[in-house]
Protein backbone atom coordinates (compact mmCIF):
# COMPACT_ATOMS: atom_id res chain seq x y z
CA MET A 1 0.00 0.00 0.00
CA HIS A 2 1.26 3.46 -0.82
CA THR A 3 1.48 6.67 1.19
CA PRO A 4 -1.63 8.89 1.41
CA TYR A 5 -1.59 11.69 -1.14
CA THR A 6 -3.19 15.13 -1.13
CA TRP A 7 -4.34 17.42 -3.92
CA GLN A 8 -6.31 20.60 -4.50
CA GLU A 9 -9.87 19.66 -5.45
CA ASP A 10 -10.28 22.46 -8.00
CA LYS A 11 -7.04 21.41 -9.72
CA ARG A 12 -8.23 17.78 -9.71
CA GLN A 13 -11.45 18.82 -11.44
CA ARG A 14 -9.59 20.88 -14.06
CA ASN A 15 -7.15 18.02 -14.68
CA LEU A 16 -10.02 15.55 -15.06
CA ALA A 17 -11.79 17.82 -17.58
CA LYS A 18 -8.60 18.49 -19.56
CA HIS A 19 -6.95 15.05 -19.55
CA GLY A 20 -9.67 12.61 -18.46
CA LEU A 21 -7.40 11.40 -15.64
CA ASP A 22 -8.45 11.63 -12.00
CA PHE A 23 -5.98 12.27 -9.16
CA ALA A 24 -8.08 9.82 -7.12
CA ASP A 25 -6.86 7.09 -9.50
CA ALA A 26 -3.16 7.76 -8.83
CA ALA A 27 -2.78 4.21 -7.50
CA TRP A 28 -3.04 2.96 -11.10
CA VAL A 29 0.38 4.52 -11.60
CA LEU A 30 1.83 4.19 -8.11
CA ASP A 31 1.06 0.47 -7.79
CA ASN A 32 2.20 -0.39 -11.31
CA ARG A 33 5.26 -2.68 -11.38
CA PHE A 34 6.27 -1.15 -14.74
CA ARG A 35 6.52 2.37 -13.25
CA LEU A 36 9.43 4.65 -14.09
CA ASP A 37 10.15 7.39 -11.53
CA ILE A 38 12.18 10.46 -12.47
CA ASP A 39 13.23 12.92 -9.76
CA SER A 40 13.30 16.62 -10.56
CA THR A 41 13.38 19.99 -8.84
CA ARG A 42 11.19 22.86 -10.00
CA ASN A 43 10.42 26.11 -8.18
CA SER A 44 12.62 24.83 -5.31
CA GLU A 45 10.28 21.83 -4.89
CA GLN A 46 11.33 18.19 -4.99
CA ARG A 47 9.12 16.41 -7.53
CA ILE A 48 8.77 12.91 -8.85
CA GLN A 49 7.30 12.20 -12.25
CA SER A 50 5.98 8.64 -12.36
CA PHE A 51 5.38 7.07 -15.77
CA ALA A 52 3.11 4.05 -16.25
CA TYR A 53 0.38 2.78 -18.52
CA VAL A 54 -3.21 3.51 -17.50
CA ALA A 55 -6.09 2.36 -19.70
CA GLU A 56 -3.73 1.56 -22.58
CA ARG A 57 -1.97 4.94 -22.66
CA LEU A 58 1.26 6.04 -21.06
CA THR A 59 0.61 8.62 -18.36
CA VAL A 60 2.71 10.93 -16.20
CA LEU A 61 1.77 11.54 -12.57
CA THR A 62 3.65 14.47 -10.99
CA VAL A 63 3.93 14.59 -7.21
CA VAL A 64 5.56 17.28 -5.03
CA HIS A 65 7.32 16.19 -1.85
CA LEU A 66 7.44 18.90 0.81
CA PRO A 67 9.11 18.30 4.19
CA GLY A 68 6.67 17.35 6.93
CA ARG A 69 3.68 16.98 4.59
CA HIS A 70 2.00 14.20 2.65
CA PRO A 71 3.06 13.94 -0.99
CA HIS A 72 0.91 16.29 -3.10
CA ILE A 73 -0.34 15.44 -6.60
CA ILE A 74 -0.12 18.37 -9.01
CA SER A 75 -0.63 16.75 -12.41
CA PHE A 76 -1.81 13.54 -14.10
CA ARG A 77 -1.64 13.62 -17.88
CA PRO A 78 -0.83 11.63 -20.99
CA ALA A 79 2.88 11.39 -21.79
CA SER A 80 4.35 13.44 -24.62
CA ARG A 81 6.04 11.78 -27.60
CA ASP A 82 9.51 12.39 -26.12
CA GLU A 83 8.38 11.02 -22.75
CA ARG A 84 6.98 7.91 -24.44
CA GLU A 85 10.31 7.35 -26.22
CA THR A 86 12.21 7.75 -22.94
CA TYR A 87 9.88 5.32 -21.16
CA HIS A 88 10.05 2.67 -23.89
CA ASP A 89 13.84 2.95 -24.04
CA TRP A 90 13.97 2.45 -20.25
CA LEU A 91 11.58 -0.49 -20.44
CA GLU A 92 13.59 -2.15 -23.19
CA ASN A 93 17.10 -1.46 -21.87
CA GLU A 94 17.02 -0.77 -18.13
CA PHE A 95 13.88 -2.24 -16.57
CA ASN A 96 14.72 -5.07 -14.19
CA ASP A 97 11.82 -7.44 -13.53
CA SER A 98 13.37 -9.08 -10.49
């Protein structure tokens, strides 16, 4: 089981309308054994972009990690072409199924 996550409800609703992906379904990515996590820093925030297939399309879930708080979902969207290429390269060459 994964850590509890938070999000802003209005941003969840906008994301759902724009991308058809619901923050409440983040477990589809987080529990996926074929998940690729990429750490990044933006606006002085530690973020993780998690890539995994959801409903037959590659998605990107972006989570901010702030000290002393639950991880906070800020985006859940389809992957771009470059992101899909990066993911498939990782899956083919670096993924370890053990």
